[in-house]
Protein backbone atom coordinates (compact mmCIF):
# COMPACT_ATOMS: atom_id res chain seq x y z
CA MET A 1 31.92 -35.57 70.51
CA VAL A 2 30.52 -35.08 66.76
CA THR A 3 27.01 -36.31 66.35
CA GLN A 4 25.79 -36.76 62.97
CA VAL A 5 22.03 -36.50 61.39
CA ASP A 6 21.41 -36.08 57.69
CA SER A 7 17.97 -34.88 56.29
CA GLY A 8 17.32 -37.23 54.03
CA TRP A 9 13.68 -37.09 51.40
CA ILE A 10 12.37 -33.17 51.94
CA ALA A 11 9.04 -32.77 52.13
CA GLY A 12 7.81 -30.02 49.01
CA SER A 13 5.26 -27.26 49.59
CA ALA A 14 2.87 -29.22 46.66
CA GLY A 15 2.84 -32.13 50.05
CA GLY A 16 5.01 -34.47 47.81
CA GLU A 17 8.41 -35.73 48.10
CA PHE A 18 11.44 -34.65 46.12
CA PRO A 19 15.39 -36.18 46.40
CA ALA A 20 17.41 -35.36 49.06
CA ASP A 21 19.56 -34.58 45.89
CA ILE A 22 18.24 -31.51 45.41
CA ILE A 23 19.03 -29.80 48.70
CA GLY A 24 21.14 -31.89 51.18
CA LEU A 25 21.19 -30.35 55.29
CA ARG A 26 23.18 -32.48 57.59
CA VAL A 27 23.97 -31.32 60.87
CA ALA A 28 26.69 -32.37 63.86
CA GLU A 29 26.98 -30.94 67.46
CA HIS A 30 30.32 -30.37 68.04
CA GLY A 31 29.88 -30.24 72.60
CA PRO A 32 26.85 -28.67 73.54
CA GLY A 33 27.02 -25.06 72.58
CA ALA A 34 27.70 -25.07 68.59
CA ARG A 35 26.74 -27.16 65.40
CA VAL A 36 27.58 -27.42 61.76
CA VAL A 37 25.23 -27.06 59.24
CA THR A 38 25.91 -28.51 56.17
CA VAL A 39 23.93 -27.48 53.08
CA THR A 40 24.19 -28.97 49.49
CA GLY A 41 22.24 -28.57 46.37
CA GLU A 42 19.92 -25.60 45.50
CA VAL A 43 18.82 -23.56 47.70
CA ASP A 44 15.57 -21.93 45.88
CA THR A 45 11.72 -20.96 46.63
CA LEU A 46 11.11 -24.96 47.22
CA THR A 47 13.57 -25.90 49.08
CA ALA A 48 14.47 -22.46 51.21
CA PRO A 49 11.64 -22.96 53.65
CA LYS A 50 13.31 -26.69 54.80
CA LEU A 51 16.32 -24.87 55.59
CA ALA A 52 14.99 -21.81 57.22
CA SER A 53 13.32 -24.19 60.01
CA PHE A 54 16.38 -26.60 60.40
CA LEU A 55 18.04 -22.99 61.16
CA THR A 56 15.81 -22.47 63.25
CA GLU A 57 16.00 -25.77 65.15
CA GLN A 58 19.84 -26.11 65.43
CA LEU A 59 19.47 -21.96 66.99
CA SER A 60 17.14 -22.90 69.70
CA ALA A 61 19.59 -25.63 70.12
CA ALA A 62 23.06 -24.17 70.21
CA ARG A 63 24.68 -20.88 71.11
CA VAL A 64 27.26 -20.77 67.69
CA VAL A 65 25.71 -22.46 64.46
CA VAL A 66 27.94 -22.31 61.37
CA VAL A 67 26.40 -22.65 58.49
CA ASP A 68 29.07 -24.75 55.77
CA LEU A 69 27.68 -23.18 51.86
CA ASP A 70 30.65 -24.81 49.93
CA GLY A 71 28.76 -27.03 48.60
CA VAL A 72 25.59 -25.23 47.60
CA GLU A 73 25.36 -25.15 43.25
CA PHE A 74 22.14 -22.66 43.48
CA LEU A 75 21.40 -20.05 46.07
CA GLY A 76 17.92 -18.32 44.79
CA SER A 77 16.51 -14.85 46.43
CA ALA A 78 14.25 -17.61 48.97
CA GLY A 79 17.34 -19.28 50.20
CA LEU A 80 19.13 -15.70 50.54
CA SER A 81 16.25 -14.66 52.53
CA ALA A 82 16.59 -17.92 54.65
CA LEU A 83 20.10 -17.36 55.58
CA PHE A 84 19.39 -13.53 56.56
CA GLU A 85 16.23 -14.40 58.69
CA ALA A 86 18.99 -16.92 60.40
CA ASN A 87 21.14 -14.42 61.03
CA GLU A 88 18.02 -11.94 62.29
CA LEU A 89 17.09 -14.16 64.50
CA ALA A 90 20.57 -14.80 66.10
CA THR A 91 21.35 -11.96 66.99
CA ARG A 92 17.75 -11.46 68.51
CA GLU A 93 19.09 -14.75 70.74
CA HIS A 94 22.01 -13.08 71.40
CA ARG A 95 23.57 -16.49 69.44
CA ALA A 96 25.64 -16.09 66.62
CA LEU A 97 25.19 -17.56 62.91
CA ARG A 98 28.75 -17.93 61.22
CA LEU A 99 29.08 -18.34 57.25
CA VAL A 100 32.05 -20.69 55.53
CA CYS A 101 31.58 -20.35 51.94
CA HIS A 102 33.68 -21.04 49.19
CA SER A 103 31.22 -21.95 46.68
CA ARG A 104 31.02 -18.94 43.56
CA ILE A 105 27.80 -19.13 43.36
CA ALA A 106 26.93 -18.44 46.97
CA ASN A 107 29.61 -16.15 46.95
CA ARG A 108 28.11 -14.20 43.93
CA ALA A 109 24.65 -14.32 45.07
CA LEU A 110 25.75 -12.87 48.45
CA GLU A 111 27.77 -10.39 46.57
CA ALA A 112 25.07 -9.30 44.20
CA THR A 113 22.62 -7.99 46.80
CA GLU A 114 25.18 -7.13 48.51
CA LEU A 115 23.80 -9.18 51.68
CA ARG A 116 27.67 -9.90 52.32
CA GLU A 117 28.26 -7.76 54.88
CA HIS A 118 25.49 -8.33 57.80
CA PHE A 119 26.84 -12.05 57.95
CA THR A 120 29.92 -13.52 60.10
CA PHE A 121 32.35 -15.48 57.58
CA ALA A 122 35.02 -17.77 58.84
CA GLU A 123 38.05 -19.42 56.79
CA THR A 124 36.97 -22.64 57.68
CA VAL A 125 34.39 -24.64 60.01
CA PRO A 126 37.72 -24.58 62.24
CA ASP A 127 38.00 -21.52 62.92
CA ALA A 128 34.43 -20.97 62.79
CA LEU A 129 33.96 -22.94 65.25
CA LYS A 130 37.58 -21.44 67.57
CA ASP A 131 36.18 -19.29 70.59
CA ALA A 132 32.35 -22.06 70.48
CA LEU A 133 34.08 -24.82 71.82
């Protein structure tokens, strides 16, 4: 069974709100132990805290969390930090965080910072979910 939740509007750091087209976060449950988080738009200083809390929430509920970064148009240092911290949390909690990333921009950021080697990547979301179902 797959259940989807969409994030809608996202609160900004100044207490205001900005449209979800800056960052989109959607989660799909794949059974009780796996979730797929689809990230779209820009992950920067303003939106990275929302991504971090969203990933933490998913990791507390599922054994495997797949993060699909294919729709990411900007990935700044704050976004890289959010992903890295989520990966560290997953390791500490004996859970798995797997990335699917065909976004040229996101891949460039991961390679330029030499963070790519710290993550587990899969070619497709179904590949990332194979042993999780």
